[in-house]
Structure formats: structure tokens, C-alpha cells
Amino acid sequence: MNNQTEKVYIEIRSAAGGNEAKIWATDLARMYTRYATKNNWKTRTIGENVIQITGPNVFKLLENESGVHRVQRVPATEKRGRIHTSTATVAVLPEIKEKEIELNPRDLEWQFYRASTHGGQNVQKVSTAVRLIHKPTGIAVTSEQERQQIQNREIARDLLRARLWEKQEAEKEKTIAGYRSAIGRGMRSEKIRTYNFPQNRVTDHRIKKSWGNLDAVINGDLEKIINFVSK
């Protein structure tokens, strides 16, 4: 494997499970951030549960993380000790160059607002945060972490191109027989993994293999799982 520096976006959305699903999405974002830190990759928070990761071969290693991640555990707010099942979707999107997907300025709607993050006085007082809407598809992306609006605009364009690429890949899978998406084996709608806290076990359903020490996994110890899945 060539050590080619790549940039990916990991976008995590809460799905079934209400507030617990939102907490689970945040837990997954922290898990991937810690995994990236352990690999000495650069991380940047783009928006809520959207992470940019830069490092050698990051897309090749992380592409198979796309899909539905299910958690089974007793939520902190559960008074009766009942186990809840919640889900979140993970999408791993590569950096798409401008020449691969061109953005027509007439298709774009830009919105600017003050960031709600703790980014310092400049971020709070000036409308540096960006929401970019692709009018033909309705896809909307945001970037609000950078101190300069121009930086957030650039990130929003990059993320929009990645989202449009994901949409194209999904449409190809539906219409072309035998087409294998470059997104990886897991699409957003496919359940790929279950994290079972009562049994201290994580199971990857695609390869039918389980691992223990779940707390370590949630804290970013993903090496053994990702290396096995990406073989």
C-alpha cells in the first residue's frame, strides 16, 4: 500500500433511537477522532459530527466504515435498567477534485451566520459560518469551525462535492447491475456493525466476526477491526 496522503470526510447522523441515537452519533465521532489521533492523522471538526481526516491512505482504511452502526446499551437516563437499541449512520467520503465534479455557481445558494461553537470572539461576532445548498439536489452542507469565512466556504465546497459524489455512487448501484460502489461495502442503509455493551462485544455483520474489550474500541482502539475488515 502506497503511503499516499488522502483527505476524507466522516459524516455521522443519528437514526433510530431518539436522544440516545444522538448521543451515540457523538460517541462515534469521538471514536473516529481518537483513532485518527492514535495514527497521527490530522483531524478537523467541520460541523456537528462531521470530521475531516488527513493522512496516508485514510480513505482506503476507512471506506468500509460506511453504513449503519447499531448500539445496544442501558442509556444514562434509563431509570429501570432497560437495554435500548439505537442506530447512527456513518458515511466516509473522499476528497473529490474540482475537475471531477464541477459546481455551477447558479446551482449554489450561500447562507452565512454566526457560529454557535466556542471559536473565540471573532467567530462569535462575525458571520463566518457557512451553509451551502445545492439547489438541484437539495443537499445542504455546513462549515462553521474556521475563523475566516473564506476557509469555511472552501471546506463547504469540498464537502458538497463529496456528498454529490456519494449520491452519484448510490444511483449507479441502483441502476447498473453488478456495480460495486467505490464508497465501500457498506452504504448508509446497510447495517454493518453492532456494539453490545452488556456483552462487552462488537460484531461486524459483514464478516461475521466479534471482538471484546468494547470500551477500548469506543475509545479509538479500532486498529484490529479496521485492518481485518479492509483486507
Protein backbone atom coordinates (compact mmCIF):
# COMPACT_ATOMS: atom_id res chain seq x y z
CA MET A 1 0.00 0.00 0.00
CA ASN A 2 1.49 3.32 -1.05
CA ASN A 3 1.60 5.92 1.68
CA GLN A 4 -0.38 8.47 -0.29
CA THR A 5 -1.77 11.34 1.75
CA GLU A 6 -5.54 11.47 1.41
CA LYS A 7 -8.34 13.55 2.85
CA VAL A 8 -11.71 12.12 3.88
CA TYR A 9 -14.86 13.41 5.49
CA ILE A 10 -16.64 11.25 8.07
CA GLU A 11 -20.27 12.31 8.42
CA ILE A 12 -22.30 10.73 11.22
CA ARG A 13 -26.06 11.11 11.61
CA SER A 14 -28.30 9.87 14.39
CA ALA A 15 -31.01 7.49 13.19
CA ALA A 16 -33.41 5.33 15.22
CA GLY A 17 -33.45 5.86 18.97
CA GLY A 18 -34.24 9.50 19.72
CA ASN A 19 -31.89 11.26 22.15
CA GLU A 20 -29.87 8.10 22.74
CA ALA A 21 -29.19 7.92 18.99
CA LYS A 22 -27.88 11.49 19.09
CA ILE A 23 -25.57 10.58 21.96
CA TRP A 24 -24.44 7.50 20.04
CA ALA A 25 -23.62 9.60 16.96
CA THR A 26 -21.46 11.85 19.14
CA ASP A 27 -19.75 8.79 20.65
CA LEU A 28 -18.91 7.51 17.16
CA ALA A 29 -17.49 10.88 16.13
CA ARG A 30 -15.25 10.85 19.20
CA MET A 31 -14.23 7.22 18.48
CA TYR A 32 -13.04 8.05 14.97
CA THR A 33 -11.31 11.23 16.13
CA ARG A 34 -9.37 9.29 18.76
CA TYR A 35 -8.50 6.57 16.26
CA ALA A 36 -7.16 9.22 13.89
CA THR A 37 -5.13 10.83 16.68
CA LYS A 38 -3.56 7.48 17.55
CA ASN A 39 -2.46 7.20 13.92
CA ASN A 40 -1.01 10.72 13.96
CA TRP A 41 -3.51 11.84 11.33
CA LYS A 42 -4.72 15.43 11.18
CA THR A 43 -8.32 15.96 12.26
CA ARG A 44 -10.61 18.94 11.87
CA THR A 45 -14.18 19.30 13.06
CA ILE A 46 -16.31 20.70 10.24
CA GLY A 47 -19.70 20.75 11.92
CA GLU A 48 -21.82 18.64 14.21
CA ASN A 49 -20.45 15.08 13.93
CA VAL A 50 -18.66 15.85 10.68
CA ILE A 51 -14.90 15.28 10.76
CA GLN A 52 -12.19 15.89 8.20
CA ILE A 53 -9.25 13.47 8.47
CA THR A 54 -5.99 13.81 6.55
CA GLY A 55 -3.27 11.17 6.45
CA PRO A 56 -1.67 8.32 4.49
CA ASN A 57 -4.24 6.01 2.86
CA VAL A 58 -7.08 7.20 5.12
CA PHE A 59 -9.82 6.53 2.58
CA LYS A 60 -8.54 3.05 1.81
CA LEU A 61 -8.51 2.25 5.53
CA LEU A 62 -11.80 3.90 6.48
CA GLU A 63 -14.04 3.41 3.43
CA ASN A 64 -15.59 0.24 4.85
CA GLU A 65 -16.82 2.11 7.93
CA SER A 66 -19.74 3.48 5.87
CA GLY A 67 -23.10 2.08 6.94
CA VAL A 68 -25.39 1.70 9.93
CA HIS A 69 -23.74 1.30 13.33
CA ARG A 70 -26.06 -0.14 16.00
CA VAL A 71 -25.55 0.15 19.75
CA GLN A 72 -27.22 -1.90 22.49
CA ARG A 73 -26.78 -0.48 26.00
CA VAL A 74 -28.52 1.00 29.01
CA PRO A 75 -28.71 4.78 28.48
CA ALA A 76 -27.58 7.04 31.31
CA THR A 77 -31.14 8.42 31.52
CA GLU A 78 -32.72 4.94 31.80
CA LYS A 79 -34.00 4.52 35.39
CA ARG A 80 -35.20 0.92 35.09
CA GLY A 81 -32.00 -0.51 33.68
CA ARG A 82 -33.53 -1.49 30.35
CA ILE A 83 -31.31 -2.07 27.33
CA HIS A 84 -32.04 0.25 24.41
CA THR A 85 -31.13 -0.26 20.77
CA SER A 86 -30.15 2.83 18.79
CA THR A 87 -28.50 3.44 15.44
CA ALA A 88 -26.44 6.03 13.63
CA THR A 89 -25.29 6.16 10.02
CA VAL A 90 -21.67 6.71 9.06
CA ALA A 91 -20.59 7.97 5.64
CA VAL A 92 -16.91 8.07 4.71
CA LEU A 93 -16.45 10.41 1.76
CA PRO A 94 -13.18 11.00 -0.11
CA GLU A 95 -11.92 14.36 -1.26
CA ILE A 96 -13.26 14.98 -4.76
CA LYS A 97 -11.24 17.29 -7.01
CA GLU A 98 -12.88 20.20 -8.79
CA LYS A 99 -12.24 18.64 -12.21
CA GLU A 100 -14.15 15.50 -11.16
CA ILE A 101 -17.31 17.31 -10.04
CA GLU A 102 -17.76 20.90 -11.17
CA LEU A 103 -20.08 23.14 -9.16
CA ASN A 104 -22.17 25.52 -11.23
CA PRO A 105 -22.39 28.83 -9.31
CA ARG A 106 -26.01 29.20 -10.43
CA ASP A 107 -26.85 25.94 -8.62
CA LEU A 108 -25.49 27.17 -5.30
CA GLU A 109 -27.21 29.08 -2.52
CA TRP A 110 -24.89 30.52 0.13
CA GLN A 111 -26.02 31.39 3.64
CA PHE A 112 -23.80 33.00 6.28
CA TYR A 113 -24.37 33.10 10.01
CA ARG A 114 -22.59 33.41 13.34
CA ALA A 115 -21.07 30.17 14.54
CA SER A 116 -22.60 28.59 17.60
CA THR A 117 -19.29 26.97 18.52
CA HIS A 118 -16.74 28.18 21.03
CA GLY A 119 -14.42 29.55 18.40
CA GLY A 120 -13.37 32.79 20.03
CA GLN A 121 -14.73 36.32 19.91
CA ASN A 122 -14.11 36.80 16.19
CA VAL A 123 -16.15 33.72 15.30
CA GLN A 124 -18.96 34.80 17.59
CA LYS A 125 -19.23 38.42 16.38
CA VAL A 126 -18.81 37.92 12.63
CA SER A 127 -20.90 35.76 10.31
CA THR A 128 -18.05 33.38 9.49
CA ALA A 129 -20.10 30.18 9.44
CA VAL A 130 -21.32 28.89 6.07
CA ARG A 131 -24.29 26.86 4.89
CA LEU A 132 -24.13 25.82 1.25
CA ILE A 133 -27.20 24.45 -0.52
CA HIS A 134 -27.08 22.66 -3.86
CA LYS A 135 -30.43 23.70 -5.34
CA PRO A 136 -30.87 20.89 -7.93
CA THR A 137 -30.49 18.12 -5.31
CA GLY A 138 -31.39 19.91 -2.08
CA ILE A 139 -28.15 18.73 -0.47
CA ALA A 140 -27.00 21.16 2.23
CA VAL A 141 -23.64 21.25 3.99
CA THR A 142 -22.26 23.50 6.72
CA SER A 143 -18.85 24.57 7.94
CA GLU A 144 -18.51 26.80 10.96
CA GLN A 145 -15.30 25.87 12.78
CA GLU A 146 -12.78 28.06 10.95
CA ARG A 147 -12.20 31.67 11.98
CA GLN A 148 -12.28 33.00 8.42
CA GLN A 149 -15.38 32.82 6.23
CA ILE A 150 -13.28 32.12 3.14
CA GLN A 151 -11.90 28.97 4.81
CA ASN A 152 -15.39 27.77 5.69
CA ARG A 153 -16.52 28.44 2.11
CA GLU A 154 -13.70 26.27 0.75
CA ILE A 155 -14.50 23.44 3.16
CA ALA A 156 -18.20 23.66 2.29
CA ARG A 157 -17.41 23.32 -1.42
CA ASP A 158 -15.19 20.29 -0.74
CA LEU A 159 -17.85 18.64 1.39
CA LEU A 160 -20.58 19.34 -1.17
CA ARG A 161 -18.53 17.73 -3.94
CA ALA A 162 -18.05 14.67 -1.71
CA ARG A 163 -21.78 14.47 -0.98
CA LEU A 164 -22.64 14.77 -4.68
CA TRP A 165 -20.13 12.00 -5.44
CA GLU A 166 -21.79 9.81 -2.80
CA LYS A 167 -25.17 10.44 -4.42
CA GLN A 168 -23.81 9.50 -7.84
CA GLU A 169 -22.29 6.28 -6.48
CA ALA A 170 -25.58 5.30 -4.82
CA GLU A 171 -27.50 5.92 -8.05
CA LYS A 172 -25.03 3.79 -10.03
CA GLU A 173 -25.51 0.91 -7.59
CA LYS A 174 -29.26 1.07 -8.17
CA THR A 175 -29.14 1.25 -11.95
CA ILE A 176 -26.04 -0.70 -13.03
CA ALA A 177 -26.18 -4.45 -12.48
CA GLY A 178 -23.13 -5.74 -10.64
CA TYR A 179 -21.77 -2.24 -9.98
CA ARG A 180 -19.60 -2.13 -6.86
CA SER A 181 -19.61 1.32 -5.36
CA ALA A 182 -16.31 2.97 -4.57
CA ILE A 183 -17.89 4.02 -1.27
CA GLY A 184 -17.13 0.55 0.03
CA ARG A 185 -19.12 -2.46 1.12
CA GLY A 186 -21.36 -0.51 3.46
CA MET A 187 -23.84 2.06 2.21
CA ARG A 188 -25.66 4.35 4.63
CA SER A 189 -28.66 1.99 4.72
CA GLU A 190 -26.73 -1.23 5.38
CA LYS A 191 -26.27 -2.41 8.99
CA ILE A 192 -22.60 -3.26 9.27
CA ARG A 193 -21.80 -3.41 12.98
CA THR A 194 -23.34 -3.86 16.44
CA TYR A 195 -21.77 -2.58 19.65
CA ASN A 196 -23.26 -4.64 22.50
CA PHE A 197 -22.30 -3.14 25.87
CA PRO A 198 -23.94 -5.74 28.18
CA GLN A 199 -21.94 -8.45 26.42
CA ASN A 200 -18.80 -6.27 26.04
CA ARG A 201 -18.66 -7.17 22.38
CA VAL A 202 -18.57 -5.55 18.94
CA THR A 203 -19.67 -7.60 15.94
CA ASP A 204 -19.09 -6.87 12.28
CA HIS A 205 -22.01 -8.46 10.42
CA ARG A 206 -20.32 -8.48 7.01
CA ILE A 207 -17.52 -10.81 8.04
CA LYS A 208 -19.40 -12.40 10.98
CA LYS A 209 -16.60 -11.72 13.46
CA SER A 210 -16.71 -10.35 17.01
CA TRP A 211 -14.21 -8.67 19.31
CA GLY A 212 -14.27 -7.99 23.06
CA ASN A 213 -13.00 -5.05 25.15
CA LEU A 214 -15.68 -2.72 23.81
CA ASP A 215 -14.67 0.24 25.98
CA ALA A 216 -11.25 0.29 24.32
CA VAL A 217 -12.89 0.19 20.88
CA ILE A 218 -15.12 3.15 21.71
CA ASN A 219 -12.01 5.00 22.88
CA GLY A 220 -10.44 4.65 19.46
CA ASP A 221 -8.78 1.23 19.56
CA LEU A 222 -10.07 0.30 16.10
CA GLU A 223 -6.85 -0.99 14.59
CA LYS A 224 -7.64 -4.69 14.80
CA ILE A 225 -11.17 -4.25 13.41
CA ILE A 226 -10.33 -1.90 10.56
CA ASN A 227 -7.29 -3.90 9.48
CA PHE A 228 -9.34 -7.10 9.42
CA VAL A 229 -12.28 -5.57 7.52
CA SER A 230 -10.10 -3.77 4.97
CA LYS A 231 -8.16 -6.89 3.95
